[in-house]
Amino acid sequence: MNELLNEKYYLRTNELSLVATLQVLGYGIESIEKNANGKATFLIKKDSRTDDTIKLFWLRKLTVEPLAYFESMKNIKSRIYQ
């Protein structure tokens, strides 16, 4: 379990649009933790390109296929509200 909490190996975020984008790019969601107020925190395993990908996302220089993004958002929301 200590490895799951190590930020060197895992990204922990509650930013849904980032998670949907990463999922389209092939990253898997390791787990979804829901807190008492209904907010979800996602755990995604990092690789050598994760930090650069996230930087491009926040710089608005990353593109993904729109329909794949929409389907990813739908899938994630379904998992949150199961």
N, C-alpha and C. Protein backbone atom coordinates (compact mmCIF):
# COMPACT_ATOMS: atom_id res chain seq x y z
N MET A 1 0.81 -1.19 0.00
CA MET A 1 0.00 0.00 0.00
C MET A 1 0.86 1.27 0.00
N ASN A 2 2.06 1.21 0.56
CA ASN A 2 2.93 2.38 0.56
C ASN A 2 3.26 2.84 -0.85
N GLU A 3 3.41 1.89 -1.78
CA GLU A 3 3.70 2.26 -3.16
C GLU A 3 2.53 3.06 -3.75
N LEU A 4 1.29 2.73 -3.36
CA LEU A 4 0.14 3.45 -3.87
C LEU A 4 0.15 4.91 -3.44
N LEU A 5 0.75 5.20 -2.31
CA LEU A 5 0.76 6.56 -1.81
C LEU A 5 1.98 7.35 -2.27
N ASN A 6 2.93 6.70 -2.92
CA ASN A 6 4.16 7.34 -3.36
C ASN A 6 3.91 8.16 -4.62
N GLU A 7 4.06 9.49 -4.51
CA GLU A 7 3.81 10.36 -5.65
C GLU A 7 4.78 10.15 -6.80
N LYS A 8 5.88 9.46 -6.54
CA LYS A 8 6.83 9.17 -7.61
C LYS A 8 6.23 8.18 -8.61
N TYR A 9 5.35 7.30 -8.13
CA TYR A 9 4.79 6.25 -8.97
C TYR A 9 3.33 6.49 -9.38
N TYR A 10 2.63 7.33 -8.63
CA TYR A 10 1.21 7.53 -8.88
C TYR A 10 0.83 9.00 -8.87
N LEU A 11 -0.09 9.35 -9.75
CA LEU A 11 -0.69 10.68 -9.77
C LEU A 11 -2.00 10.60 -9.01
N ARG A 12 -2.20 11.53 -8.10
CA ARG A 12 -3.45 11.62 -7.35
C ARG A 12 -4.07 12.98 -7.70
N THR A 13 -5.27 12.96 -8.30
CA THR A 13 -5.91 14.20 -8.73
C THR A 13 -7.42 14.08 -8.65
N ASN A 14 -8.07 15.23 -8.54
CA ASN A 14 -9.54 15.25 -8.61
C ASN A 14 -10.01 16.03 -9.84
N GLU A 15 -9.10 16.28 -10.77
CA GLU A 15 -9.40 17.03 -11.99
C GLU A 15 -9.94 16.08 -13.07
N LEU A 16 -11.26 16.05 -13.21
CA LEU A 16 -11.93 15.12 -14.11
C LEU A 16 -11.47 15.26 -15.56
N SER A 17 -11.33 16.48 -16.05
CA SER A 17 -10.94 16.67 -17.45
C SER A 17 -9.53 16.14 -17.71
N LEU A 18 -8.63 16.28 -16.76
CA LEU A 18 -7.28 15.74 -16.89
C LEU A 18 -7.32 14.22 -16.93
N VAL A 19 -8.09 13.63 -16.04
CA VAL A 19 -8.19 12.18 -15.97
C VAL A 19 -8.79 11.62 -17.27
N ALA A 20 -9.82 12.27 -17.79
CA ALA A 20 -10.43 11.81 -19.04
C ALA A 20 -9.42 11.88 -20.19
N THR A 21 -8.65 12.94 -20.23
CA THR A 21 -7.63 13.09 -21.27
C THR A 21 -6.56 12.01 -21.14
N LEU A 22 -6.09 11.79 -19.92
CA LEU A 22 -5.07 10.75 -19.70
C LEU A 22 -5.60 9.37 -20.07
N GLN A 23 -6.87 9.12 -19.76
CA GLN A 23 -7.45 7.83 -20.11
C GLN A 23 -7.49 7.65 -21.63
N VAL A 24 -7.84 8.69 -22.37
CA VAL A 24 -7.84 8.62 -23.84
C VAL A 24 -6.44 8.30 -24.36
N LEU A 25 -5.43 8.81 -23.66
CA LEU A 25 -4.04 8.60 -24.08
C LEU A 25 -3.47 7.27 -23.62
N GLY A 26 -4.30 6.45 -22.98
CA GLY A 26 -3.87 5.10 -22.63
C GLY A 26 -3.56 4.85 -21.16
N TYR A 27 -3.69 5.86 -20.34
CA TYR A 27 -3.46 5.66 -18.90
C TYR A 27 -4.70 5.01 -18.28
N GLY A 28 -4.47 4.13 -17.34
CA GLY A 28 -5.58 3.50 -16.65
C GLY A 28 -5.82 4.15 -15.30
N ILE A 29 -7.07 4.14 -14.88
CA ILE A 29 -7.41 4.64 -13.55
C ILE A 29 -7.26 3.47 -12.59
N GLU A 30 -6.31 3.58 -11.67
CA GLU A 30 -6.04 2.51 -10.71
C GLU A 30 -7.16 2.41 -9.68
N SER A 31 -7.63 3.57 -9.21
CA SER A 31 -8.74 3.57 -8.26
C SER A 31 -9.41 4.94 -8.24
N ILE A 32 -10.64 4.94 -7.75
CA ILE A 32 -11.40 6.17 -7.54
C ILE A 32 -11.85 6.16 -6.09
N GLU A 33 -11.45 7.20 -5.37
CA GLU A 33 -11.84 7.33 -3.97
C GLU A 33 -12.87 8.44 -3.88
N LYS A 34 -14.00 8.15 -3.26
CA LYS A 34 -15.04 9.17 -3.08
C LYS A 34 -15.04 9.62 -1.63
N ASN A 35 -15.01 10.94 -1.41
CA ASN A 35 -15.06 11.42 -0.04
C ASN A 35 -16.50 11.74 0.36
N ALA A 36 -16.67 12.20 1.57
CA ALA A 36 -18.01 12.40 2.14
C ALA A 36 -18.85 13.41 1.37
N ASN A 37 -18.23 14.42 0.78
CA ASN A 37 -19.02 15.42 0.04
C ASN A 37 -19.26 15.02 -1.42
N GLY A 38 -18.91 13.80 -1.79
CA GLY A 38 -19.17 13.29 -3.13
C GLY A 38 -18.09 13.57 -4.15
N LYS A 39 -17.03 14.25 -3.76
CA LYS A 39 -15.93 14.55 -4.68
C LYS A 39 -15.06 13.31 -4.86
N ALA A 40 -14.63 13.07 -6.08
CA ALA A 40 -13.82 11.90 -6.39
C ALA A 40 -12.35 12.28 -6.55
N THR A 41 -11.49 11.41 -6.06
CA THR A 41 -10.05 11.54 -6.26
C THR A 41 -9.59 10.32 -7.04
N PHE A 42 -8.83 10.56 -8.10
CA PHE A 42 -8.40 9.49 -8.99
C PHE A 42 -6.93 9.18 -8.75
N LEU A 43 -6.59 7.91 -8.87
CA LEU A 43 -5.22 7.46 -8.74
C LEU A 43 -4.82 6.83 -10.07
N ILE A 44 -3.77 7.40 -10.69
CA ILE A 44 -3.30 6.95 -12.00
C ILE A 44 -1.82 6.63 -11.91
N LYS A 45 -1.43 5.46 -12.42
CA LYS A 45 -0.03 5.07 -12.39
C LYS A 45 0.76 5.90 -13.40
N LYS A 46 1.87 6.46 -12.93
CA LYS A 46 2.73 7.29 -13.78
C LYS A 46 3.69 6.43 -14.61
N ASP A 47 4.14 7.00 -15.72
CA ASP A 47 5.24 6.42 -16.48
C ASP A 47 6.20 7.56 -16.83
N SER A 48 7.15 7.29 -17.68
CA SER A 48 8.20 8.28 -17.98
C SER A 48 7.67 9.53 -18.69
N ARG A 49 6.50 9.47 -19.28
CA ARG A 49 5.98 10.62 -20.03
C ARG A 49 4.84 11.34 -19.33
N THR A 50 4.43 10.87 -18.18
CA THR A 50 3.26 11.44 -17.50
C THR A 50 3.41 12.92 -17.17
N ASP A 51 4.52 13.30 -16.57
CA ASP A 51 4.71 14.69 -16.18
C ASP A 51 4.69 15.63 -17.38
N ASP A 52 5.33 15.24 -18.47
CA ASP A 52 5.32 16.06 -19.68
C ASP A 52 3.91 16.15 -20.27
N THR A 53 3.18 15.06 -20.23
CA THR A 53 1.81 15.04 -20.74
C THR A 53 0.92 15.99 -19.94
N ILE A 54 1.07 15.96 -18.62
CA ILE A 54 0.28 16.84 -17.76
C ILE A 54 0.64 18.30 -18.02
N LYS A 55 1.91 18.57 -18.20
CA LYS A 55 2.35 19.94 -18.49
C LYS A 55 1.71 20.43 -19.79
N LEU A 56 1.72 19.59 -20.83
CA LEU A 56 1.09 19.97 -22.10
C LEU A 56 -0.41 20.20 -21.94
N PHE A 57 -1.05 19.39 -21.10
CA PHE A 57 -2.47 19.55 -20.83
C PHE A 57 -2.75 20.94 -20.27
N TRP A 58 -2.00 21.34 -19.23
CA TRP A 58 -2.23 22.63 -18.58
C TRP A 58 -1.81 23.81 -19.46
N LEU A 59 -0.89 23.57 -20.39
CA LEU A 59 -0.50 24.62 -21.34
C LEU A 59 -1.46 24.72 -22.52
N ARG A 60 -2.45 23.81 -22.54
CA ARG A 60 -3.45 23.75 -23.63
C ARG A 60 -2.80 23.43 -24.97
N LYS A 61 -1.78 22.59 -24.93
CA LYS A 61 -1.08 22.19 -26.15
C LYS A 61 -1.23 20.70 -26.44
N LEU A 62 -2.16 20.08 -25.78
CA LEU A 62 -2.39 18.64 -25.93
C LEU A 62 -3.75 18.46 -26.60
N THR A 63 -3.80 17.60 -27.59
CA THR A 63 -5.08 17.35 -28.26
C THR A 63 -5.41 15.86 -28.21
N VAL A 64 -6.70 15.59 -28.15
CA VAL A 64 -7.20 14.21 -28.19
C VAL A 64 -8.40 14.18 -29.12
N GLU A 65 -8.76 13.00 -29.53
CA GLU A 65 -9.91 12.82 -30.41
C GLU A 65 -11.18 13.13 -29.61
N PRO A 66 -12.03 14.04 -30.10
CA PRO A 66 -13.18 14.51 -29.33
C PRO A 66 -14.16 13.42 -28.90
N LEU A 67 -14.50 12.50 -29.77
CA LEU A 67 -15.46 11.46 -29.40
C LEU A 67 -14.87 10.53 -28.35
N ALA A 68 -13.60 10.22 -28.46
CA ALA A 68 -12.94 9.39 -27.45
C ALA A 68 -12.93 10.09 -26.09
N TYR A 69 -12.71 11.40 -26.10
CA TYR A 69 -12.74 12.19 -24.87
C TYR A 69 -14.13 12.15 -24.24
N PHE A 70 -15.15 12.35 -25.04
CA PHE A 70 -16.53 12.31 -24.55
C PHE A 70 -16.85 10.95 -23.94
N GLU A 71 -16.46 9.88 -24.63
CA GLU A 71 -16.72 8.53 -24.12
C GLU A 71 -15.95 8.28 -22.82
N SER A 72 -14.75 8.81 -22.73
CA SER A 72 -13.96 8.67 -21.52
C SER A 72 -14.64 9.38 -20.35
N MET A 73 -15.13 10.59 -20.57
CA MET A 73 -15.85 11.34 -19.53
C MET A 73 -17.08 10.57 -19.07
N LYS A 74 -17.81 10.04 -20.02
CA LYS A 74 -19.02 9.27 -19.70
C LYS A 74 -18.68 8.04 -18.87
N ASN A 75 -17.63 7.34 -19.25
CA ASN A 75 -17.18 6.15 -18.54
C ASN A 75 -16.77 6.49 -17.12
N ILE A 76 -16.00 7.54 -16.96
CA ILE A 76 -15.52 7.94 -15.63
C ILE A 76 -16.68 8.34 -14.73
N LYS A 77 -17.60 9.14 -15.25
CA LYS A 77 -18.75 9.56 -14.46
C LYS A 77 -19.59 8.35 -14.05
N SER A 78 -19.72 7.39 -14.92
CA SER A 78 -20.44 6.17 -14.59
C SER A 78 -19.77 5.44 -13.44
N ARG A 79 -18.45 5.37 -13.48
CA ARG A 79 -17.70 4.71 -12.40
C ARG A 79 -17.82 5.46 -11.08
N ILE A 80 -17.87 6.78 -11.14
CA ILE A 80 -18.00 7.58 -9.92
C ILE A 80 -19.34 7.33 -9.25
N TYR A 81 -20.41 7.30 -10.04
CA TYR A 81 -21.76 7.24 -9.49
C TYR A 81 -22.33 5.84 -9.38
N GLN A 82 -21.50 4.82 -9.54
CA GLN A 82 -21.97 3.43 -9.39
C GLN A 82 -22.39 3.15 -7.98
